[in-house]
């Protein structure tokens, strides 16, 4: 959802046909509701990062600080509500504590093996520490178990392959963002490709934040990421802008084929 919601939002801006924009708006509402009621706090933080980045793009630092303040107030309100008995599970620190524990173990191993790591893969942690496997902890109370994975893609890369690999991995996100959302970003709502690229850039930001709390860079999610990255790089290229067809998603031209001009 952190990748698809900003892209769908950009398609709503680009659309010219009423039915196209209505369909995208319905999809956006369904995805937003699914994300809200999934109670996935990592996803919420990803959207918060996207909101702050979008505010900075269109309104500068001042608007970004206002949005940050609103998110902080919402978080504080949720904490106050939990003290009154509402949404206690939403703000429960149990999953945070387990992540902090396993991150501390992982960071110590990164300090010990900073160049090449302990071996790449999500299961390398369990192979290094078999005492933390689910089978070995079967008799341990649930509240004191150590989760047998990093639950952080960036830390997993550093743990498995070392700091050079982590820098290369981070470079992917930085290079994409520099291409998709150049600084300073000037709002060019009439430039359809800039709007689409900005939506993909926000998707990259949300996906990066989401991966700080889980290992999401795999399977179909990784496929979607690379496809969006390819589209973003393509539409921001000079060759595409110079030789594009000029059509917009959901524009009247998409209703049918253009008429051929009679030859002279």
Protein backbone atom coordinates (compact mmCIF):
# COMPACT_ATOMS: atom_id res chain seq x y z
CA UNK A 1 0.00 0.00 0.00
CA UNK A 2 2.85 2.43 0.70
CA UNK A 3 3.90 2.05 -2.93
CA UNK A 4 0.54 2.01 -4.67
CA UNK A 5 -1.29 4.81 -2.82
CA UNK A 6 0.96 7.71 -3.97
CA UNK A 7 1.06 6.36 -7.53
CA UNK A 8 -2.73 6.13 -7.67
CA UNK A 9 -2.89 9.66 -6.27
CA UNK A 10 -0.72 10.91 -9.12
CA UNK A 11 -2.97 9.14 -11.63
CA UNK A 12 -5.98 11.00 -10.21
CA UNK A 13 -4.17 14.28 -10.86
CA UNK A 14 -3.22 13.21 -14.37
CA UNK A 15 -6.62 11.83 -15.38
CA UNK A 16 -8.90 13.85 -17.63
CA UNK A 17 -11.85 11.49 -18.00
CA UNK A 18 -14.39 11.52 -15.18
CA UNK A 19 -14.78 7.75 -15.04
CA UNK A 20 -11.01 7.28 -14.91
CA UNK A 21 -10.57 9.68 -12.00
CA UNK A 22 -13.58 8.18 -10.21
CA UNK A 23 -12.17 4.67 -10.55
CA UNK A 24 -8.78 5.78 -9.25
CA UNK A 25 -10.40 7.67 -6.37
CA UNK A 26 -12.40 4.57 -5.40
CA UNK A 27 -9.25 2.46 -5.51
CA UNK A 28 -7.44 5.06 -3.40
CA UNK A 29 -10.22 5.04 -0.80
CA UNK A 30 -10.22 1.24 -0.60
CA UNK A 31 -6.44 1.08 -0.23
CA UNK A 32 -6.43 3.85 2.36
CA UNK A 33 -9.09 2.08 4.40
CA UNK A 34 -7.24 -1.23 4.16
CA UNK A 35 -4.02 0.42 5.32
CA UNK A 36 -5.75 2.21 8.18
CA UNK A 37 -7.52 -0.86 9.54
CA UNK A 38 -4.57 -3.19 9.03
CA UNK A 39 -3.02 -1.60 12.14
CA UNK A 40 0.41 -1.92 10.56
CA UNK A 41 2.34 0.80 12.32
CA UNK A 42 5.30 0.50 9.99
CA UNK A 43 2.98 1.25 7.08
CA UNK A 44 1.52 4.23 8.93
CA UNK A 45 5.00 5.62 9.47
CA UNK A 46 5.73 5.12 5.78
CA UNK A 47 2.69 7.20 4.87
CA UNK A 48 3.68 9.81 7.45
CA UNK A 49 7.07 10.12 5.77
CA UNK A 50 5.33 10.45 2.41
CA UNK A 51 3.05 13.16 3.78
CA UNK A 52 5.95 15.17 5.16
CA UNK A 53 7.90 14.79 1.91
CA UNK A 54 4.89 15.85 -0.16
CA UNK A 55 4.33 18.87 2.08
CA UNK A 56 7.98 19.86 1.65
CA UNK A 57 7.65 19.51 -2.13
CA UNK A 58 4.59 21.71 -2.54
CA UNK A 59 4.88 24.08 0.42
CA UNK A 60 8.47 24.08 1.56
CA UNK A 61 9.93 23.59 5.00
CA UNK A 62 7.21 25.49 6.85
CA UNK A 63 4.38 23.31 5.55
CA UNK A 64 6.45 20.19 6.21
CA UNK A 65 6.90 21.25 9.84
CA UNK A 66 3.16 21.86 10.15
CA UNK A 67 2.41 18.38 8.82
CA UNK A 68 5.02 16.89 11.15
CA UNK A 69 3.34 18.67 14.05
CA UNK A 70 -0.06 17.29 13.04
CA UNK A 71 1.32 13.76 12.93
CA UNK A 72 2.94 14.27 16.34
CA UNK A 73 -0.38 15.48 17.75
CA UNK A 74 -2.16 12.46 16.28
CA UNK A 75 0.40 10.14 17.87
CA UNK A 76 0.08 11.90 21.21
CA UNK A 77 -3.70 11.66 20.98
CA UNK A 78 -3.46 7.94 20.35
CA UNK A 79 -1.25 7.53 23.41
CA UNK A 80 -3.72 9.48 25.55
CA UNK A 81 -6.60 7.39 24.23
CA UNK A 82 -4.72 4.20 25.09
CA UNK A 83 -4.42 5.35 28.69
CA UNK A 84 -8.21 5.62 28.76
CA UNK A 85 -8.55 2.05 27.52
CA UNK A 86 -8.93 2.66 23.78
CA UNK A 87 -6.62 1.16 21.15
CA UNK A 88 -4.20 -0.25 23.71
CA UNK A 89 -2.94 -2.93 21.34
CA UNK A 90 -2.19 -0.27 18.72
CA UNK A 91 0.37 1.46 20.93
CA UNK A 92 1.62 -1.65 22.74
CA UNK A 93 5.41 -1.66 22.92
CA UNK A 94 5.85 -5.44 22.84
CA UNK A 95 6.75 -5.65 19.15
CA UNK A 96 8.98 -2.59 19.48
CA UNK A 97 10.86 -4.15 22.40
CA UNK A 98 11.44 -7.42 20.54
CA UNK A 99 12.76 -5.54 17.53
CA UNK A 100 15.09 -3.42 19.64
CA UNK A 101 16.46 -6.57 21.27
CA UNK A 102 17.22 -8.34 18.01
CA UNK A 103 18.56 -5.12 16.44
CA UNK A 104 21.04 -4.80 19.30
CA UNK A 105 22.25 -8.34 18.62
CA UNK A 106 22.52 -7.61 14.91
CA UNK A 107 24.44 -4.36 15.42
CA UNK A 108 26.99 -6.14 17.59
CA UNK A 109 27.55 -8.63 14.78
CA UNK A 110 27.89 -5.82 12.24
CA UNK A 111 30.57 -4.27 14.46
CA UNK A 112 32.34 -7.63 14.55
CA UNK A 113 32.03 -8.31 10.80
CA UNK A 114 31.79 -4.85 9.18
CA UNK A 115 33.23 -5.67 5.75
CA UNK A 116 31.67 -8.94 4.57
CA UNK A 117 29.06 -9.67 7.23
CA UNK A 118 28.07 -13.11 8.46
CA UNK A 119 26.50 -14.34 5.20
CA UNK A 120 23.69 -12.95 3.07
CA UNK A 121 20.08 -14.03 3.55
CA UNK A 122 17.13 -13.54 5.85
CA UNK A 123 17.91 -16.87 7.57
CA UNK A 124 21.58 -16.13 8.18
CA UNK A 125 20.73 -14.80 11.65
CA UNK A 126 19.20 -18.13 12.71
CA UNK A 127 22.12 -20.04 11.21
CA UNK A 128 24.49 -17.89 13.25
CA UNK A 129 22.35 -18.11 16.38
CA UNK A 130 20.38 -21.39 16.28
CA UNK A 131 19.35 -20.82 19.90
CA UNK A 132 16.99 -18.12 18.65
CA UNK A 133 15.15 -20.35 16.18
CA UNK A 134 11.44 -20.93 16.71
CA UNK A 135 12.04 -24.57 17.57
CA UNK A 136 14.70 -23.76 20.17
CA UNK A 137 12.43 -21.19 21.80
CA UNK A 138 9.33 -23.37 21.81
CA UNK A 139 9.43 -23.68 25.61
CA UNK A 140 10.18 -19.99 26.18
CA UNK A 141 7.29 -17.71 27.13
CA UNK A 142 6.05 -15.62 24.24
CA UNK A 143 6.86 -12.34 25.92
CA UNK A 144 10.56 -13.18 26.28
CA UNK A 145 11.21 -14.78 22.89
CA UNK A 146 13.74 -13.29 20.49
CA UNK A 147 12.32 -12.95 16.99
CA UNK A 148 14.55 -15.02 14.66
CA UNK A 149 15.08 -12.29 12.04
CA UNK A 150 16.24 -8.69 11.84
CA UNK A 151 12.86 -7.22 10.83
CA UNK A 152 14.85 -4.44 9.17
CA UNK A 153 15.94 -4.78 5.56
CA UNK A 154 18.83 -2.34 5.85
CA UNK A 155 20.21 -3.98 8.98
CA UNK A 156 19.76 -7.40 7.39
CA UNK A 157 21.88 -6.33 4.41
CA UNK A 158 24.58 -4.90 6.72
CA UNK A 159 24.52 -8.02 8.89
CA UNK A 160 24.66 -10.44 6.01
CA UNK A 161 26.94 -8.64 3.55
CA UNK A 162 28.71 -5.86 5.45
CA UNK A 163 28.70 -2.08 5.41
CA UNK A 164 29.85 -1.73 1.76
CA UNK A 165 26.76 -3.66 0.68
CA UNK A 166 24.59 -1.47 2.90
CA UNK A 167 26.00 1.68 1.30
CA UNK A 168 25.33 0.27 -2.16
CA UNK A 169 21.78 -0.63 -1.14
CA UNK A 170 21.10 2.82 0.29
CA UNK A 171 22.56 4.37 -2.87
CA UNK A 172 19.75 2.76 -4.89
CA UNK A 173 17.13 4.72 -2.97
CA UNK A 174 19.14 7.95 -2.96
CA UNK A 175 19.82 7.79 -6.70
CA UNK A 176 16.17 7.09 -7.46
CA UNK A 177 14.96 9.99 -5.32
CA UNK A 178 17.45 12.39 -6.88
CA UNK A 179 16.12 11.40 -10.30
CA UNK A 180 12.41 11.32 -9.45
CA UNK A 181 12.18 14.27 -7.04
CA UNK A 182 15.01 16.71 -7.84
CA UNK A 183 15.77 19.35 -5.22
CA UNK A 184 14.43 21.99 -5.37
CA UNK A 185 11.25 20.41 -6.73
CA UNK A 186 9.11 22.95 -8.55
CA UNK A 187 5.45 22.02 -8.66
CA UNK A 188 4.70 21.55 -12.36
CA UNK A 189 1.17 20.21 -12.34
CA UNK A 190 0.89 20.66 -16.11
CA UNK A 191 3.91 18.41 -16.64
CA UNK A 192 2.32 14.97 -16.47
CA UNK A 193 5.62 13.12 -16.27
CA UNK A 194 6.89 15.20 -13.35
CA UNK A 195 3.68 14.43 -11.44
CA UNK A 196 3.94 10.71 -12.15
CA UNK A 197 7.64 10.70 -11.23
CA UNK A 198 6.85 12.50 -7.97
CA UNK A 199 4.23 9.87 -7.13
CA UNK A 200 6.76 7.11 -7.73
CA UNK A 201 9.33 9.03 -5.67
CA UNK A 202 6.90 9.18 -2.74
CA UNK A 203 6.37 5.44 -3.17
CA UNK A 204 10.14 4.93 -2.88
CA UNK A 205 10.21 7.00 0.34
CA UNK A 206 7.35 5.06 1.90
CA UNK A 207 8.82 1.71 0.89
CA UNK A 208 12.20 2.64 2.38
CA UNK A 209 10.61 3.61 5.70
CA UNK A 210 8.49 0.46 5.70
CA UNK A 211 11.63 -1.63 5.30
CA UNK A 212 13.06 -0.14 8.48
CA UNK A 213 10.65 -2.31 10.46
CA UNK A 214 10.29 -5.46 8.36
CA UNK A 215 11.90 -7.35 5.52
CA UNK A 216 9.65 -6.30 2.62
CA UNK A 217 12.19 -6.14 -0.21
CA UNK A 218 11.31 -9.55 -1.63
CA UNK A 219 8.87 -11.38 -3.86
CA UNK A 220 6.11 -9.44 -5.56
CA UNK A 221 6.85 -6.30 -3.53
CA UNK A 222 10.39 -6.18 -4.92
CA UNK A 223 8.99 -6.75 -8.42
CA UNK A 224 6.61 -3.80 -8.02
CA UNK A 225 9.44 -1.64 -6.69
CA UNK A 226 11.71 -2.33 -9.65
CA UNK A 227 8.86 -1.88 -12.14
CA UNK A 228 7.98 1.50 -10.64
CA UNK A 229 11.66 2.45 -10.59
CA UNK A 230 11.95 1.56 -14.28
CA UNK A 231 8.86 3.61 -15.14
CA UNK A 232 10.15 6.56 -13.13
CA UNK A 233 13.57 6.49 -14.77
CA UNK A 234 11.95 6.21 -18.19
CA UNK A 235 9.51 9.12 -17.87
CA UNK A 236 12.20 11.42 -16.47
CA UNK A 237 14.60 10.67 -19.31
CA UNK A 238 15.30 13.30 -21.95
CA UNK A 239 14.61 10.86 -24.78
CA UNK A 240 11.13 10.09 -23.45
CA UNK A 241 10.26 13.75 -22.89
CA UNK A 242 11.53 14.73 -26.30
CA UNK A 243 9.82 11.96 -28.23
CA UNK A 244 6.79 11.08 -26.12
CA UNK A 245 3.33 10.74 -27.60
CA UNK A 246 1.92 13.48 -25.40
CA UNK A 247 -0.89 11.31 -24.10
CA UNK A 248 -1.88 11.32 -20.47
CA UNK A 249 -3.32 8.39 -18.50
CA UNK A 250 -7.09 8.62 -18.65
CA UNK A 251 -7.06 11.25 -21.40
CA UNK A 252 -9.66 11.34 -24.19
CA UNK A 253 -7.05 10.07 -26.66
CA UNK A 254 -7.11 6.73 -24.85
CA UNK A 255 -10.77 6.24 -25.82
CA UNK A 256 -9.85 5.27 -29.34
CA UNK A 257 -7.26 5.44 -32.03
CA UNK A 258 -6.39 8.76 -33.55
CA UNK A 259 -7.55 9.48 -37.06
CA UNK A 260 -5.02 9.27 -39.81
CA UNK A 261 -4.25 12.44 -41.70
CA UNK A 262 -4.76 12.22 -45.47
CA UNK A 263 -1.56 12.06 -47.41
CA UNK A 264 -0.65 15.01 -49.61
